Amino acid sequence: MLFDKNEAIEGDIVDDDGNILGKHRGIIHYTKGQRRGFGIAFGRSLCVSKIDATNNRIVVSNKENLLSRGLYRFKYLLARHR
Protein backbone atom coordinates (compact mmCIF):
# COMPACT_ATOMS: atom_id res chain seq x y z
CA MET A 1 0.00 0.00 0.00
CA LEU A 2 1.42 3.38 -1.01
CA PHE A 3 -0.71 5.54 1.25
CA ASP A 4 -2.60 4.89 4.43
CA LYS A 5 -5.74 7.02 4.35
CA ASN A 6 -5.63 7.21 8.15
CA GLU A 7 -2.36 9.15 7.89
CA ALA A 8 -3.79 11.82 5.57
CA ILE A 9 -3.42 15.30 7.09
CA GLU A 10 -6.17 17.88 6.72
CA GLY A 11 -5.18 21.17 5.07
CA ASP A 12 -6.46 24.25 3.28
CA ILE A 13 -8.23 24.57 -0.06
CA VAL A 14 -7.18 27.93 -1.53
CA ASP A 15 -7.90 29.89 -4.72
CA ASP A 16 -5.28 31.32 -7.11
CA ASP A 17 -4.87 34.39 -4.88
CA GLY A 18 -4.24 32.32 -1.73
CA ASN A 19 -7.66 32.96 -0.16
CA ILE A 20 -8.71 30.05 2.03
CA LEU A 21 -11.98 28.57 0.75
CA GLY A 22 -12.23 25.55 3.01
CA LYS A 23 -10.46 22.45 4.30
CA HIS A 24 -9.48 19.25 2.51
CA ARG A 25 -9.19 15.79 4.04
CA GLY A 26 -5.63 15.10 2.85
CA ILE A 27 -3.84 15.73 -0.44
CA ILE A 28 -3.73 12.01 -1.24
CA HIS A 29 -7.47 12.19 -2.01
CA TYR A 30 -7.13 14.74 -4.86
CA THR A 31 -5.78 14.87 -8.41
CA LYS A 32 -5.02 17.78 -10.71
CA GLY A 33 -8.10 18.64 -12.77
CA GLN A 34 -10.54 17.15 -10.23
CA ARG A 35 -13.86 19.00 -10.10
CA ARG A 36 -15.82 17.04 -7.49
CA GLY A 37 -15.42 15.61 -4.04
CA PHE A 38 -14.33 18.72 -2.15
CA GLY A 39 -17.06 18.27 0.45
CA ILE A 40 -18.07 21.94 0.25
CA ALA A 41 -19.95 24.03 -2.32
CA PHE A 42 -18.08 27.00 -3.79
CA GLY A 43 -20.98 28.53 -5.73
CA ARG A 44 -19.00 28.25 -8.96
CA SER A 45 -17.31 25.47 -10.89
CA LEU A 46 -13.73 24.97 -9.68
CA CYS A 47 -11.00 22.45 -10.51
CA VAL A 48 -7.81 21.44 -8.73
CA SER A 49 -5.05 23.39 -10.51
CA LYS A 50 -2.17 22.53 -8.18
CA ILE A 51 -1.40 20.23 -5.30
CA ASP A 52 1.05 22.03 -3.03
CA ALA A 53 2.45 19.16 -0.96
CA THR A 54 5.06 21.36 0.74
CA ASN A 55 2.36 23.55 2.33
CA ASN A 56 -0.34 20.82 2.39
CA ARG A 57 -2.67 22.92 0.21
CA ILE A 58 -5.00 22.22 -2.67
CA VAL A 59 -5.15 25.17 -5.10
CA VAL A 60 -8.36 25.50 -7.11
CA SER A 61 -9.11 27.61 -10.21
CA ASN A 62 -12.09 28.12 -12.45
CA LYS A 63 -12.13 26.11 -15.68
CA GLU A 64 -11.37 29.14 -17.85
CA ASN A 65 -8.06 29.76 -16.06
CA LEU A 66 -7.02 26.14 -16.43
CA LEU A 67 -7.82 26.01 -20.12
CA SER A 68 -6.11 29.26 -21.01
CA ARG A 69 -2.87 28.27 -19.27
CA GLY A 70 -2.88 24.83 -20.86
CA LEU A 71 -3.49 26.11 -24.36
CA TYR A 72 -0.78 28.73 -24.01
CA ARG A 73 1.77 26.16 -22.92
CA PHE A 74 0.69 23.78 -25.66
CA LYS A 75 1.09 26.46 -28.34
CA TYR A 76 4.49 27.38 -26.93
CA LEU A 77 5.68 23.77 -27.05
CA LEU A 78 4.48 23.34 -30.64
CA ALA A 79 6.26 26.52 -31.72
CA ARG A 80 9.54 25.38 -30.14
CA HIS A 81 9.50 21.96 -31.82
CA ARG A 82 8.99 23.24 -35.36
C-alpha atoms as a PDB file:
ATOM      1  CA  MET A   1       0.000   0.000   0.000  1.00  0.00           C
ATOM      2  CA  LEU A   2       1.422   3.376  -1.014  1.00  0.00           C
ATOM      3  CA  PHE A   3      -0.707   5.539   1.250  1.00  0.00           C
ATOM      4  CA  ASP A   4      -2.596   4.889   4.429  1.00  0.00           C
ATOM      5  CA  LYS A   5      -5.742   7.023   4.353  1.00  0.00           C
ATOM      6  CA  ASN A   6      -5.634   7.205   8.150  1.00  0.00           C
ATOM      7  CA  GLU A   7      -2.363   9.149   7.893  1.00  0.00           C
ATOM      8  CA  ALA A   8      -3.793  11.823   5.568  1.00  0.00           C
ATOM      9  CA  ILE A   9      -3.417  15.296   7.088  1.00  0.00           C
ATOM     10  CA  GLU A  10      -6.168  17.885   6.717  1.00  0.00           C
ATOM     11  CA  GLY A  11      -5.175  21.166   5.073  1.00  0.00           C
ATOM     12  CA  ASP A  12      -6.458  24.255   3.281  1.00  0.00           C
ATOM     13  CA  ILE A  13      -8.230  24.573  -0.061  1.00  0.00           C
ATOM     14  CA  VAL A  14      -7.184  27.930  -1.534  1.00  0.00           C
ATOM     15  CA  ASP A  15      -7.895  29.887  -4.718  1.00  0.00           C
ATOM     16  CA  ASP A  16      -5.276  31.316  -7.111  1.00  0.00           C
ATOM     17  CA  ASP A  17      -4.874  34.387  -4.877  1.00  0.00           C
ATOM     18  CA  GLY A  18      -4.242  32.320  -1.728  1.00  0.00           C
ATOM     19  CA  ASN A  19      -7.656  32.964  -0.164  1.00  0.00           C
ATOM     20  CA  ILE A  20      -8.710  30.048   2.033  1.00  0.00           C
ATOM     21  CA  LEU A  21     -11.982  28.567   0.753  1.00  0.00           C
ATOM     22  CA  GLY A  22     -12.229  25.553   3.013  1.00  0.00           C
ATOM     23  CA  LYS A  23     -10.458  22.453   4.304  1.00  0.00           C
ATOM     24  CA  HIS A  24      -9.477  19.247   2.511  1.00  0.00           C
ATOM     25  CA  ARG A  25      -9.191  15.790   4.040  1.00  0.00           C
ATOM     26  CA  GLY A  26      -5.628  15.096   2.849  1.00  0.00           C
ATOM     27  CA  ILE A  27      -3.842  15.732  -0.443  1.00  0.00           C
ATOM     28  CA  ILE A  28      -3.735  12.006  -1.239  1.00  0.00           C
ATOM     29  CA  HIS A  29      -7.473  12.195  -2.011  1.00  0.00           C
ATOM     30  CA  TYR A  30      -7.127  14.740  -4.862  1.00  0.00           C
ATOM     31  CA  THR A  31      -5.781  14.869  -8.412  1.00  0.00           C
ATOM     32  CA  LYS A  32      -5.022  17.778 -10.711  1.00  0.00           C
ATOM     33  CA  GLY A  33      -8.101  18.639 -12.766  1.00  0.00           C
ATOM     34  CA  GLN A  34     -10.535  17.152 -10.227  1.00  0.00           C
ATOM     35  CA  ARG A  35     -13.864  19.002 -10.100  1.00  0.00           C
ATOM     36  CA  ARG A  36     -15.820  17.043  -7.491  1.00  0.00           C
ATOM     37  CA  GLY A  37     -15.423  15.609  -4.035  1.00  0.00           C
ATOM     38  CA  PHE A  38     -14.325  18.717  -2.153  1.00  0.00           C
ATOM     39  CA  GLY A  39     -17.058  18.267   0.454  1.00  0.00           C
ATOM     40  CA  ILE A  40     -18.075  21.935   0.246  1.00  0.00           C
ATOM     41  CA  ALA A  41     -19.949  24.033  -2.315  1.00  0.00           C
ATOM     42  CA  PHE A  42     -18.081  26.997  -3.790  1.00  0.00           C
ATOM     43  CA  GLY A  43     -20.979  28.534  -5.729  1.00  0.00           C
ATOM     44  CA  ARG A  44     -19.005  28.254  -8.965  1.00  0.00           C
ATOM     45  CA  SER A  45     -17.306  25.472 -10.891  1.00  0.00           C
ATOM     46  CA  LEU A  46     -13.725  24.972  -9.677  1.00  0.00           C
ATOM     47  CA  CYS A  47     -11.003  22.452 -10.513  1.00  0.00           C
ATOM     48  CA  VAL A  48      -7.806  21.443  -8.732  1.00  0.00           C
ATOM     49  CA  SER A  49      -5.053  23.390 -10.507  1.00  0.00           C
ATOM     50  CA  LYS A  50      -2.174  22.533  -8.182  1.00  0.00           C
ATOM     51  CA  ILE A  51      -1.397  20.226  -5.297  1.00  0.00           C
ATOM     52  CA  ASP A  52       1.053  22.027  -3.034  1.00  0.00           C
ATOM     53  CA  ALA A  53       2.451  19.160  -0.957  1.00  0.00           C
ATOM     54  CA  THR A  54       5.055  21.363   0.743  1.00  0.00           C
ATOM     55  CA  ASN A  55       2.363  23.546   2.327  1.00  0.00           C
ATOM     56  CA  ASN A  56      -0.345  20.823   2.388  1.00  0.00           C
ATOM     57  CA  ARG A  57      -2.671  22.921   0.209  1.00  0.00           C
ATOM     58  CA  ILE A  58      -4.997  22.221  -2.670  1.00  0.00           C
ATOM     59  CA  VAL A  59      -5.152  25.172  -5.097  1.00  0.00           C
ATOM     60  CA  VAL A  60      -8.359  25.500  -7.114  1.00  0.00           C
ATOM     61  CA  SER A  61      -9.108  27.608 -10.208  1.00  0.00           C
ATOM     62  CA  ASN A  62     -12.090  28.121 -12.453  1.00  0.00           C
ATOM     63  CA  LYS A  63     -12.126  26.109 -15.677  1.00  0.00           C
ATOM     64  CA  GLU A  64     -11.366  29.136 -17.848  1.00  0.00           C
ATOM     65  CA  ASN A  65      -8.059  29.761 -16.057  1.00  0.00           C
ATOM     66  CA  LEU A  66      -7.023  26.145 -16.432  1.00  0.00           C
ATOM     67  CA  LEU A  67      -7.824  26.011 -20.124  1.00  0.00           C
ATOM     68  CA  SER A  68      -6.107  29.258 -21.010  1.00  0.00           C
ATOM     69  CA  ARG A  69      -2.872  28.269 -19.274  1.00  0.00           C
ATOM     70  CA  GLY A  70      -2.882  24.831 -20.857  1.00  0.00           C
ATOM     71  CA  LEU A  71      -3.486  26.110 -24.355  1.00  0.00           C
ATOM     72  CA  TYR A  72      -0.780  28.730 -24.011  1.00  0.00           C
ATOM     73  CA  ARG A  73       1.774  26.157 -22.919  1.00  0.00           C
ATOM     74  CA  PHE A  74       0.692  23.775 -25.657  1.00  0.00           C
ATOM     75  CA  LYS A  75       1.091  26.464 -28.341  1.00  0.00           C
ATOM     76  CA  TYR A  76       4.492  27.383 -26.933  1.00  0.00           C
ATOM     77  CA  LEU A  77       5.683  23.769 -27.054  1.00  0.00           C
ATOM     78  CA  LEU A  78       4.483  23.339 -30.641  1.00  0.00           C
ATOM     79  CA  ALA A  79       6.261  26.520 -31.721  1.00  0.00           C
ATOM     80  CA  ARG A  80       9.540  25.382 -30.144  1.00  0.00           C
ATOM     81  CA  HIS A  81       9.495  21.955 -31.822  1.00  0.00           C
ATOM     82  CA  ARG A  82       8.988  23.245 -35.364  1.00  0.00           C
END
